[in-house]
Amino acid sequence: MSTLSRLEQTITARASASPDSSYVAKLNAKGVPKMAQKVGEEATETVIAAVSGSNSELVGESADLLFHLMVLLQAKGVALDDVLGELDRREGLSGLEEKASRPQS
């Protein structure tokens, strides 16, 4: 089992815990808007670390970003396998081809 799969199981198990005993439960209690805000904050911190931080700072911020994204996915009922399936679907396509294949809005 991969690290991300184990993390997904841990997040699912802690989602319904007491907010006093679990950070995941605390985020769930605050709702999807707060979770989305945290993903945005962590994405910004990841960008800053990439531009002006050390590689170890980038690794730490990237881990925070993945964690918060997975908490958000769990809250929205989106399985990690769904995201991985989408990445598998895109494998072998150039980024330009994949973007052009998306429906126009």
PDB file of N, CA and C in Angstrom:
ATOM      1  N   MET A   1       0.850  -1.178   0.000  1.00  0.00           N
ATOM      2  CA  MET A   1       0.000   0.000   0.000  1.00  0.00           C
ATOM      3  C   MET A   1       0.891   1.236   0.000  1.00  0.00           C
ATOM      4  N   SER A   2       0.549   2.180  -0.833  1.00  0.00           N
ATOM      5  CA  SER A   2       1.371   3.384  -0.965  1.00  0.00           C
ATOM      6  C   SER A   2       1.150   4.337   0.220  1.00  0.00           C
ATOM      7  N   THR A   3       2.074   5.243   0.354  1.00  0.00           N
ATOM      8  CA  THR A   3       1.983   6.260   1.404  1.00  0.00           C
ATOM      9  C   THR A   3       0.683   7.048   1.280  1.00  0.00           C
ATOM     10  N   LEU A   4       0.333   7.445   0.059  1.00  0.00           N
ATOM     11  CA  LEU A   4      -0.888   8.232  -0.123  1.00  0.00           C
ATOM     12  C   LEU A   4      -2.135   7.405   0.189  1.00  0.00           C
ATOM     13  N   SER A   5      -2.120   6.128  -0.123  1.00  0.00           N
ATOM     14  CA  SER A   5      -3.262   5.268   0.217  1.00  0.00           C
ATOM     15  C   SER A   5      -3.408   5.130   1.728  1.00  0.00           C
ATOM     16  N   ARG A   6      -2.292   4.975   2.419  1.00  0.00           N
ATOM     17  CA  ARG A   6      -2.345   4.896   3.884  1.00  0.00           C
ATOM     18  C   ARG A   6      -2.836   6.212   4.469  1.00  0.00           C
ATOM     19  N   LEU A   7      -2.369   7.323   3.907  1.00  0.00           N
ATOM     20  CA  LEU A   7      -2.816   8.634   4.381  1.00  0.00           C
ATOM     21  C   LEU A   7      -4.320   8.786   4.157  1.00  0.00           C
ATOM     22  N   GLU A   8      -4.800   8.360   3.010  1.00  0.00           N
ATOM     23  CA  GLU A   8      -6.237   8.441   2.733  1.00  0.00           C
ATOM     24  C   GLU A   8      -7.030   7.653   3.777  1.00  0.00           C
ATOM     25  N   GLN A   9      -6.568   6.474   4.134  1.00  0.00           N
ATOM     26  CA  GLN A   9      -7.253   5.678   5.153  1.00  0.00           C
ATOM     27  C   GLN A   9      -7.231   6.377   6.508  1.00  0.00           C
ATOM     28  N   THR A  10      -6.116   6.971   6.858  1.00  0.00           N
ATOM     29  CA  THR A  10      -6.011   7.685   8.137  1.00  0.00           C
ATOM     30  C   THR A  10      -6.954   8.880   8.168  1.00  0.00           C
ATOM     31  N   ILE A  11      -6.998   9.636   7.077  1.00  0.00           N
ATOM     32  CA  ILE A  11      -7.889  10.799   6.993  1.00  0.00           C
ATOM     33  C   ILE A  11      -9.336  10.361   7.129  1.00  0.00           C
ATOM     34  N   THR A  12      -9.709   9.293   6.456  1.00  0.00           N
ATOM     35  CA  THR A  12     -11.081   8.782   6.545  1.00  0.00           C
ATOM     36  C   THR A  12     -11.408   8.355   7.967  1.00  0.00           C
ATOM     37  N   ALA A  13     -10.484   7.681   8.613  1.00  0.00           N
ATOM     38  CA  ALA A  13     -10.716   7.213   9.979  1.00  0.00           C
ATOM     39  C   ALA A  13     -10.839   8.372  10.966  1.00  0.00           C
ATOM     40  N   ARG A  14     -10.103   9.434  10.747  1.00  0.00           N
ATOM     41  CA  ARG A  14     -10.099  10.551  11.699  1.00  0.00           C
ATOM     42  C   ARG A  14     -11.159  11.606  11.414  1.00  0.00           C
ATOM     43  N   ALA A  15     -11.795  11.524  10.261  1.00  0.00           N
ATOM     44  CA  ALA A  15     -12.773  12.553   9.870  1.00  0.00           C
ATOM     45  C   ALA A  15     -13.912  12.682  10.870  1.00  0.00           C
ATOM     46  N   SER A  16     -14.301  11.581  11.468  1.00  0.00           N
ATOM     47  CA  SER A  16     -15.438  11.616  12.391  1.00  0.00           C
ATOM     48  C   SER A  16     -15.013  11.599  13.859  1.00  0.00           C
ATOM     49  N   ALA A  17     -13.743  11.769  14.114  1.00  0.00           N
ATOM     50  CA  ALA A  17     -13.259  11.829  15.495  1.00  0.00           C
ATOM     51  C   ALA A  17     -13.672  13.153  16.131  1.00  0.00           C
ATOM     52  N   SER A  18     -13.356  13.293  17.380  1.00  0.00           N
ATOM     53  CA  SER A  18     -13.617  14.549  18.076  1.00  0.00           C
ATOM     54  C   SER A  18     -12.660  15.617  17.559  1.00  0.00           C
ATOM     55  N   PRO A  19     -13.171  16.812  17.260  1.00  0.00           N
ATOM     56  CA  PRO A  19     -12.277  17.902  16.837  1.00  0.00           C
ATOM     57  C   PRO A  19     -11.217  18.256  17.881  1.00  0.00           C
ATOM     58  N   ASP A  20     -11.467  17.869  19.127  1.00  0.00           N
ATOM     59  CA  ASP A  20     -10.481  18.114  20.171  1.00  0.00           C
ATOM     60  C   ASP A  20      -9.298  17.161  20.095  1.00  0.00           C
ATOM     61  N   SER A  21      -9.489  16.035  19.384  1.00  0.00           N
ATOM     62  CA  SER A  21      -8.431  15.021  19.347  1.00  0.00           C
ATOM     63  C   SER A  21      -7.818  14.827  17.967  1.00  0.00           C
ATOM     64  N   SER A  22      -8.357  15.496  16.950  1.00  0.00           N
ATOM     65  CA  SER A  22      -7.874  15.253  15.589  1.00  0.00           C
ATOM     66  C   SER A  22      -7.928  16.525  14.750  1.00  0.00           C
ATOM     67  N   TYR A  23      -6.814  16.856  14.122  1.00  0.00           N
ATOM     68  CA  TYR A  23      -6.770  18.009  13.222  1.00  0.00           C
ATOM     69  C   TYR A  23      -7.688  17.784  12.020  1.00  0.00           C
ATOM     70  N   VAL A  24      -7.732  16.556  11.510  1.00  0.00           N
ATOM     71  CA  VAL A  24      -8.627  16.242  10.391  1.00  0.00           C
ATOM     72  C   VAL A  24     -10.072  16.494  10.799  1.00  0.00           C
ATOM     73  N   ALA A  25     -10.453  16.034  11.971  1.00  0.00           N
ATOM     74  CA  ALA A  25     -11.818  16.251  12.447  1.00  0.00           C
ATOM     75  C   ALA A  25     -12.103  17.733  12.640  1.00  0.00           C
ATOM     76  N   LYS A  26     -11.110  18.473  13.115  1.00  0.00           N
ATOM     77  CA  LYS A  26     -11.274  19.921  13.295  1.00  0.00           C
ATOM     78  C   LYS A  26     -11.529  20.602  11.951  1.00  0.00           C
ATOM     79  N   LEU A  27     -10.782  20.202  10.922  1.00  0.00           N
ATOM     80  CA  LEU A  27     -11.011  20.751   9.585  1.00  0.00           C
ATOM     81  C   LEU A  27     -12.397  20.371   9.072  1.00  0.00           C
ATOM     82  N   ASN A  28     -12.796  19.123   9.286  1.00  0.00           N
ATOM     83  CA  ASN A  28     -14.121  18.685   8.850  1.00  0.00           C
ATOM     84  C   ASN A  28     -15.219  19.481   9.543  1.00  0.00           C
ATOM     85  N   ALA A  29     -15.032  19.778  10.808  1.00  0.00           N
ATOM     86  CA  ALA A  29     -16.032  20.543  11.551  1.00  0.00           C
ATOM     87  C   ALA A  29     -16.174  21.961  10.996  1.00  0.00           C
ATOM     88  N   LYS A  30     -15.098  22.488  10.422  1.00  0.00           N
ATOM     89  CA  LYS A  30     -15.133  23.852   9.871  1.00  0.00           C
ATOM     90  C   LYS A  30     -15.709  23.887   8.463  1.00  0.00           C
ATOM     91  N   GLY A  31     -15.776  22.737   7.805  1.00  0.00           N
ATOM     92  CA  GLY A  31     -16.437  22.654   6.509  1.00  0.00           C
ATOM     93  C   GLY A  31     -15.519  22.823   5.308  1.00  0.00           C
ATOM     94  N   VAL A  32     -16.108  22.546   4.154  1.00  0.00           N
ATOM     95  CA  VAL A  32     -15.369  22.573   2.890  1.00  0.00           C
ATOM     96  C   VAL A  32     -14.750  23.941   2.590  1.00  0.00           C
ATOM     97  N   PRO A  33     -15.450  25.058   2.823  1.00  0.00           N
ATOM     98  CA  PRO A  33     -14.795  26.342   2.528  1.00  0.00           C
ATOM     99  C   PRO A  33     -13.471  26.532   3.277  1.00  0.00           C
ATOM    100  N   LYS A  34     -13.413  26.132   4.536  1.00  0.00           N
ATOM    101  CA  LYS A  34     -12.168  26.261   5.306  1.00  0.00           C
ATOM    102  C   LYS A  34     -11.106  25.315   4.757  1.00  0.00           C
ATOM    103  N   MET A  35     -11.531  24.106   4.394  1.00  0.00           N
ATOM    104  CA  MET A  35     -10.569  23.157   3.819  1.00  0.00           C
ATOM    105  C   MET A  35     -10.002  23.704   2.514  1.00  0.00           C
ATOM    106  N   ALA A  36     -10.857  24.265   1.676  1.00  0.00           N
ATOM    107  CA  ALA A  36     -10.406  24.830   0.403  1.00  0.00           C
ATOM    108  C   ALA A  36      -9.453  25.995   0.649  1.00  0.00           C
ATOM    109  N   GLN A  37      -9.755  26.806   1.655  1.00  0.00           N
ATOM    110  CA  GLN A  37      -8.867  27.913   2.017  1.00  0.00           C
ATOM    111  C   GLN A  37      -7.495  27.384   2.421  1.00  0.00           C
ATOM    112  N   LYS A  38      -7.470  26.309   3.204  1.00  0.00           N
ATOM    113  CA  LYS A  38      -6.199  25.726   3.638  1.00  0.00           C
ATOM    114  C   LYS A  38      -5.401  25.202   2.446  1.00  0.00           C
ATOM    115  N   VAL A  39      -6.085  24.598   1.473  1.00  0.00           N
ATOM    116  CA  VAL A  39      -5.386  24.130   0.276  1.00  0.00           C
ATOM    117  C   VAL A  39      -4.754  25.322  -0.440  1.00  0.00           C
ATOM    118  N   GLY A  40      -5.496  26.414  -0.558  1.00  0.00           N
ATOM    119  CA  GLY A  40      -4.957  27.615  -1.185  1.00  0.00           C
ATOM    120  C   GLY A  40      -3.758  28.167  -0.441  1.00  0.00           C
ATOM    121  N   GLU A  41      -3.850  28.206   0.876  1.00  0.00           N
ATOM    122  CA  GLU A  41      -2.726  28.699   1.685  1.00  0.00           C
ATOM    123  C   GLU A  41      -1.493  27.828   1.495  1.00  0.00           C
ATOM    124  N   GLU A  42      -1.705  26.512   1.532  1.00  0.00           N
ATOM    125  CA  GLU A  42      -0.572  25.599   1.389  1.00  0.00           C
ATOM    126  C   GLU A  42       0.011  25.660  -0.021  1.00  0.00           C
ATOM    127  N   ALA A  43      -0.840  25.864  -1.027  1.00  0.00           N
ATOM    128  CA  ALA A  43      -0.341  26.009  -2.396  1.00  0.00           C
ATOM    129  C   ALA A  43       0.541  27.255  -2.507  1.00  0.00           C
ATOM    130  N   THR A  44       0.101  28.335  -1.896  1.00  0.00           N
ATOM    131  CA  THR A  44       0.886  29.569  -1.911  1.00  0.00           C
ATOM    132  C   THR A  44       2.223  29.371  -1.208  1.00  0.00           C
ATOM    133  N   GLU A  45       2.191  28.711  -0.061  1.00  0.00           N
ATOM    134  CA  GLU A  45       3.432  28.454   0.674  1.00  0.00           C
ATOM    135  C   GLU A  45       4.363  27.541  -0.120  1.00  0.00           C
ATOM    136  N   THR A  46       3.799  26.618  -0.881  1.00  0.00           N
ATOM    137  CA  THR A  46       4.608  25.743  -1.730  1.00  0.00           C
ATOM    138  C   THR A  46       5.279  26.545  -2.834  1.00  0.00           C
ATOM    139  N   VAL A  47       4.529  27.452  -3.435  1.00  0.00           N
ATOM    140  CA  VAL A  47       5.095  28.310  -4.486  1.00  0.00           C
ATOM    141  C   VAL A  47       6.222  29.165  -3.922  1.00  0.00           C
ATOM    142  N   ILE A  48       6.005  29.744  -2.770  1.00  0.00           N
ATOM    143  CA  ILE A  48       7.038  30.591  -2.152  1.00  0.00           C
ATOM    144  C   ILE A  48       8.287  29.762  -1.859  1.00  0.00           C
ATOM    145  N   ALA A  49       8.098  28.555  -1.343  1.00  0.00           N
ATOM    146  CA  ALA A  49       9.252  27.696  -1.052  1.00  0.00           C
ATOM    147  C   ALA A  49       9.986  27.318  -2.334  1.00  0.00           C
ATOM    148  N   ALA A  50       9.240  27.108  -3.414  1.00  0.00           N
ATOM    149  CA  ALA A  50       9.874  26.752  -4.692  1.00  0.00           C
ATOM    150  C   ALA A  50      10.709  27.898  -5.237  1.00  0.00           C
ATOM    151  N   VAL A  51      10.220  29.107  -5.044  1.00  0.00           N
ATOM    152  CA  VAL A  51      10.890  30.276  -5.615  1.00  0.00           C
ATOM    153  C   VAL A  51      12.043  30.758  -4.740  1.00  0.00           C
ATOM    154  N   SER A  52      11.839  30.787  -3.438  1.00  0.00           N
ATOM    155  CA  SER A  52      12.856  31.420  -2.593  1.00  0.00           C
ATOM    156  C   SER A  52      13.299  30.584  -1.395  1.00  0.00           C
ATOM    157  N   GLY A  53      12.815  29.373  -1.280  1.00  0.00           N
ATOM    158  CA  GLY A  53      13.179  28.544  -0.142  1.00  0.00           C
ATOM    159  C   GLY A  53      14.172  27.464  -0.518  1.00  0.00           C
ATOM    160  N   SER A  54      14.495  26.676   0.449  1.00  0.00           N
ATOM    161  CA  SER A  54      15.399  25.544   0.223  1.00  0.00           C
ATOM    162  C   SER A  54      14.587  24.345  -0.282  1.00  0.00           C
ATOM    163  N   ASN A  55      15.278  23.340  -0.758  1.00  0.00           N
ATOM    164  CA  ASN A  55      14.588  22.128  -1.186  1.00  0.00           C
ATOM    165  C   ASN A  55      13.851  21.458  -0.024  1.00  0.00           C
ATOM    166  N   SER A  56      14.429  21.517   1.176  1.00  0.00           N
ATOM    167  CA  SER A  56      13.756  20.905   2.321  1.00  0.00           C
ATOM    168  C   SER A  56      12.477  21.664   2.669  1.00  0.00           C
ATOM    169  N   GLU A  57      12.483  22.982   2.501  1.00  0.00           N
ATOM    170  CA  GLU A  57      11.254  23.759   2.706  1.00  0.00           C
ATOM    171  C   GLU A  57      10.209  23.390   1.661  1.00  0.00           C
ATOM    172  N   LEU A  58      10.645  23.207   0.429  1.00  0.00           N
ATOM    173  CA  LEU A  58       9.727  22.804  -0.638  1.00  0.00           C
ATOM    174  C   LEU A  58       9.128  21.430  -0.361  1.00  0.00           C
ATOM    175  N   VAL A  59       9.934  20.515   0.126  1.00  0.00           N
ATOM    176  CA  VAL A  59       9.435  19.177   0.470  1.00  0.00           C
ATOM    177  C   VAL A  59       8.385  19.278   1.565  1.00  0.00           C
ATOM    178  N   GLY A  60       8.662  20.035   2.601  1.00  0.00           N
ATOM    179  CA  GLY A  60       7.713  20.184   3.710  1.00  0.00           C
ATOM    180  C   GLY A  60       6.415  20.822   3.278  1.00  0.00           C
ATOM    181  N   GLU A  61       6.502  21.883   2.509  1.00  0.00           N
ATOM    182  CA  GLU A  61       5.291  22.564   2.047  1.00  0.00           C
ATOM    183  C   GLU A  61       4.506  21.681   1.070  1.00  0.00           C
ATOM    184  N   SER A  62       5.212  20.925   0.248  1.00  0.00           N
ATOM    185  CA  SER A  62       4.537  20.006  -0.669  1.00  0.00           C
ATOM    186  C   SER A  62       3.774  18.933   0.098  1.00  0.00           C
ATOM    187  N   ALA A  63       4.369  18.433   1.168  1.00  0.00           N
ATOM    188  CA  ALA A  63       3.682  17.445   2.006  1.00  0.00           C
ATOM    189  C   ALA A  63       2.433  18.061   2.632  1.00  0.00           C
ATOM    190  N   ASP A  64       2.542  19.294   3.118  1.00  0.00           N
ATOM    191  CA  ASP A  64       1.378  19.983   3.688  1.00  0.00           C
ATOM    192  C   ASP A  64       0.281  20.144   2.640  1.00  0.00           C
ATOM    193  N   LEU A  65       0.673  20.514   1.428  1.00  0.00           N
ATOM    194  CA  LEU A  65      -0.296  20.711   0.347  1.00  0.00           C
ATOM    195  C   LEU A  65      -1.006  19.410   0.008  1.00  0.00           C
ATOM    196  N   LEU A  66      -0.256  18.335  -0.142  1.00  0.00           N
ATOM    197  CA  LEU A  66      -0.879  17.042  -0.446  1.00  0.00           C
ATOM    198  C   LEU A  66      -1.827  16.611   0.666  1.00  0.00           C
ATOM    199  N   PHE A  67      -1.407  16.784   1.910  1.00  0.00           N
ATOM    200  CA  PHE A  67      -2.256  16.420   3.042  1.00  0.00           C
ATOM    201  C   PHE A  67      -3.578  17.188   3.008  1.00  0.00           C
ATOM    202  N   HIS A  68      -3.499  18.499   2.888  1.00  0.00           N
ATOM    203  CA  HIS A  68      -4.717  19.306   2.915  1.00  0.00           C
ATOM    204  C   HIS A  68      -5.603  19.034   1.697  1.00  0.00           C
ATOM    205  N   LEU A  69      -5.000  18.783   0.550  1.00  0.00           N
ATOM    206  CA  LEU A  69      -5.780  18.411  -0.630  1.00  0.00           C
ATOM    207  C   LEU A  69      -6.510  17.097  -0.392  1.00  0.00           C
ATOM    208  N   MET A  70      -5.848  16.149   0.226  1.00  0.00           N
ATOM    209  CA  MET A  70      -6.493  14.863   0.489  1.00  0.00           C
ATOM    210  C   MET A  70      -7.615  14.985   1.517  1.00  0.00           C
ATOM    211  N   VAL A  71      -7.465  15.860   2.495  1.00  0.00           N
ATOM    212  CA  VAL A  71      -8.556  16.114   3.444  1.00  0.00           C
ATOM    213  C   VAL A  71      -9.761  16.690   2.695  1.00  0.00           C
ATOM    214  N   LEU A  72      -9.515  17.620   1.804  1.00  0.00           N
ATOM    215  CA  LEU A  72     -10.589  18.210   1.007  1.00  0.00           C
ATOM    216  C   LEU A  72     -11.249  17.166   0.108  1.00  0.00           C
ATOM    217  N   LEU A  73     -10.457  16.354  -0.551  1.00  0.00           N
ATOM    218  CA  LEU A  73     -11.018  15.305  -1.404  1.00  0.00           C
ATOM    219  C   LEU A  73     -11.914  14.367  -0.600  1.00  0.00           C
ATOM    220  N   GLN A  74     -11.454  13.987   0.580  1.00  0.00           N
ATOM    221  CA  GLN A  74     -12.244  13.082   1.430  1.00  0.00           C
ATOM    222  C   GLN A  74     -13.565  13.727   1.804  1.00  0.00           C
ATOM    223  N   ALA A  75     -13.527  14.991   2.156  1.00  0.00           N
ATOM    224  CA  ALA A  75     -14.748  15.694   2.560  1.00  0.00           C
ATOM    225  C   ALA A  75     -15.741  15.794   1.411  1.00  0.00           C
ATOM    226  N   LYS A  76     -15.239  15.878   0.193  1.00  0.00           N
ATOM    227  CA  LYS A  76     -16.093  15.974  -0.985  1.00  0.00           C
ATOM    228  C   LYS A  76     -16.476  14.597  -1.540  1.00  0.00           C
ATOM    229  N   GLY A  77     -15.986  13.529  -0.900  1.00  0.00           N
ATOM    230  CA  GLY A  77     -16.321  12.182  -1.352  1.00  0.00           C
ATOM    231  C   GLY A  77     -15.587  11.754  -2.607  1.00  0.00           C
ATOM    232  N   VAL A  78     -14.440  12.355  -2.853  1.00  0.00           N
ATOM    233  CA  VAL A  78     -13.630  12.009  -4.026  1.00  0.00           C
ATOM    234  C   VAL A  78     -12.490  11.109  -3.567  1.00  0.00           C
ATOM    235  N   ALA A  79     -12.441   9.907  -4.119  1.00  0.00           N
ATOM    236  CA  ALA A  79     -11.409   8.947  -3.748  1.00  0.00           C
ATOM    237  C   ALA A  79     -10.086   9.279  -4.436  1.00  0.00           C
ATOM    238  N   LEU A  80      -9.004   8.988  -3.761  1.00  0.00           N
ATOM    239  CA  LEU A  80      -7.680   9.154  -4.343  1.00  0.00           C
ATOM    240  C   LEU A  80      -7.580   8.374  -5.650  1.00  0.00           C
ATOM    241  N   ASP A  81      -8.186   7.190  -5.705  1.00  0.00           N
ATOM    242  CA  ASP A  81      -8.157   6.393  -6.936  1.00  0.00           C
ATOM    243  C   ASP A  81      -8.784   7.124  -8.111  1.00  0.00           C
ATOM    244  N   ASP A  82      -9.780   7.975  -7.853  1.00  0.00           N
ATOM    245  CA  ASP A  82     -10.386   8.763  -8.935  1.00  0.00           C
ATOM    246  C   ASP A  82      -9.377   9.756  -9.509  1.00  0.00           C
ATOM    247  N   VAL A  83      -8.616  10.394  -8.636  1.00  0.00           N
ATOM    248  CA  VAL A  83      -7.599  11.352  -9.080  1.00  0.00           C
ATOM    249  C   VAL A  83      -6.481  10.610  -9.814  1.00  0.00           C
ATOM    250  N   LEU A  84      -6.059   9.483  -9.257  1.00  0.00           N
ATOM    251  CA  LEU A  84      -5.011   8.706  -9.912  1.00  0.00           C
ATOM    252  C   LEU A  84      -5.485   8.183 -11.261  1.00  0.00           C
ATOM    253  N   GLY A  85      -6.758   7.801 -11.355  1.00  0.00           N
ATOM    254  CA  GLY A  85      -7.318   7.366 -12.627  1.00  0.00           C
ATOM    255  C   GLY A  85      -7.282   8.466 -13.665  1.00  0.00           C
ATOM    256  N   GLU A  86      -7.555   9.689 -13.243  1.00  0.00           N
ATOM    257  CA  GLU A  86      -7.489  10.820 -14.174  1.00  0.00           C
ATOM    258  C   GLU A  86      -6.055  11.052 -14.633  1.00  0.00           C
ATOM    259  N   LEU A  87      -5.100  10.916 -13.719  1.00  0.00           N
ATOM    260  CA  LEU A  87      -3.699  11.044 -14.119  1.00  0.00           C
ATOM    261  C   LEU A  87      -3.313   9.928 -15.095  1.00  0.00           C
ATOM    262  N   ASP A  88      -3.797   8.709 -14.829  1.00  0.00           N
ATOM    263  CA  ASP A  88      -3.536   7.599 -15.753  1.00  0.00           C
ATOM    264  C   ASP A  88      -4.111   7.895 -17.131  1.00  0.00           C
ATOM    265  N   ARG A  89      -5.316   8.469 -17.165  1.00  0.00           N
ATOM    266  CA  ARG A  89      -5.956   8.791 -18.437  1.00  0.00           C
ATOM    267  C   ARG A  89      -5.123   9.789 -19.223  1.00  0.00           C
ATOM    268  N   ARG A  90      -4.507  10.705 -18.521  1.00  0.00           N
ATOM    269  CA  ARG A  90      -3.721  11.754 -19.173  1.00  0.00           C
ATOM    270  C   ARG A  90      -2.314  11.296 -19.557  1.00  0.00           C
ATOM    271  N   GLU A  91      -1.878  10.181 -19.016  1.00  0.00           N
ATOM    272  CA  GLU A  91      -0.519   9.713 -19.273  1.00  0.00           C
ATOM    273  C   GLU A  91      -0.304   9.506 -20.772  1.00  0.00           C
ATOM    274  N   GLY A  92       0.787  10.004 -21.255  1.00  0.00           N
ATOM    275  CA  GLY A  92       1.111   9.858 -22.660  1.00  0.00           C
ATOM    276  C   GLY A  92       0.592  10.978 -23.538  1.00  0.00           C
ATOM    277  N   LEU A  93      -0.278  11.824 -22.993  1.00  0.00           N
ATOM    278  CA  LEU A  93      -0.752  12.992 -23.727  1.00  0.00           C
ATOM    279  C   LEU A  93       0.158  14.165 -23.409  1.00  0.00           C
ATOM    280  N   SER A  94       0.369  15.008 -24.384  1.00  0.00           N
ATOM    281  CA  SER A  94       1.093  16.231 -24.053  1.00  0.00           C
ATOM    282  C   SER A  94       0.135  17.119 -23.268  1.00  0.00           C
ATOM    283  N   GLY A  95       0.672  17.983 -22.467  1.00  0.00           N
ATOM    284  CA  GLY A  95      -0.162  18.907 -21.712  1.00  0.00           C
ATOM    285  C   GLY A  95      -1.018  19.773 -22.613  1.00  0.00           C
ATOM    286  N   LEU A  96      -0.468  20.142 -23.753  1.00  0.00           N
ATOM    287  CA  LEU A  96      -1.223  20.971 -24.692  1.00  0.00           C
ATOM    288  C   LEU A  96      -2.390  20.178 -25.288  1.00  0.00           C
ATOM    289  N   GLU A  97      -2.163  18.911 -25.632  1.00  0.00           N
ATOM    290  CA  GLU A  97      -3.242  18.068 -26.174  1.00  0.00           C
ATOM    291  C   GLU A  97      -4.334  17.851 -25.133  1.00  0.00           C
ATOM    292  N   GLU A  98      -3.917  17.570 -23.902  1.00  0.00           N
ATOM    293  CA  GLU A  98      -4.898  17.310 -22.846  1.00  0.00           C
ATOM    294  C   GLU A  98      -5.741  18.539 -22.595  1.00  0.00           C
ATOM    295  N   LYS A  99      -5.124  19.703 -22.530  1.00  0.00           N
ATOM    296  CA  LYS A  99      -5.868  20.934 -22.274  1.00  0.00           C
ATOM    297  C   LYS A  99      -6.828  21.232 -23.416  1.00  0.00           C
ATOM    298  N   ALA A 100      -6.405  20.991 -24.645  1.00  0.00           N
ATOM    299  CA  ALA A 100      -7.262  21.239 -25.811  1.00  0.00           C
ATOM    300  C   ALA A 100      -8.459  20.290 -25.854  1.00  0.00           C
ATOM    301  N   SER A 101      -8.326  19.114 -25.222  1.00  0.00           N
ATOM    302  CA  SER A 101      -9.411  18.135 -25.254  1.00  0.00           C
ATOM    303  C   SER A 101     -10.512  18.435 -24.234  1.00  0.00           C
ATOM    304  N   ARG A 102     -10.267  19.377 -23.327  1.00  0.00           N
ATOM    305  CA  ARG A 102     -11.263  19.714 -22.313  1.00  0.00           C
ATOM    306  C   ARG A 102     -12.416  20.505 -22.947  1.00  0.00           C
ATOM    307  N   PRO A 103     -13.634  20.292 -22.426  1.00  0.00           N
ATOM    308  CA  PRO A 103     -14.760  21.083 -22.926  1.00  0.00           C
ATOM    309  C   PRO A 103     -14.530  22.584 -22.678  1.00  0.00           C
ATOM    310  N   GLN A 104     -14.891  23.396 -23.625  1.00  0.00           N
ATOM    311  CA  GLN A 104     -14.734  24.845 -23.476  1.00  0.00           C
ATOM    312  C   GLN A 104     -15.880  25.383 -22.621  1.00  0.00           C
ATOM    313  N   SER A 105     -15.566  26.278 -21.682  1.00  0.00           N
ATOM    314  CA  SER A 105     -16.625  26.872 -20.857  1.00  0.00           C
ATOM    315  C   SER A 105     -16.793  28.336 -21.141  1.00  0.00           C
TER     316      SER A 105
END
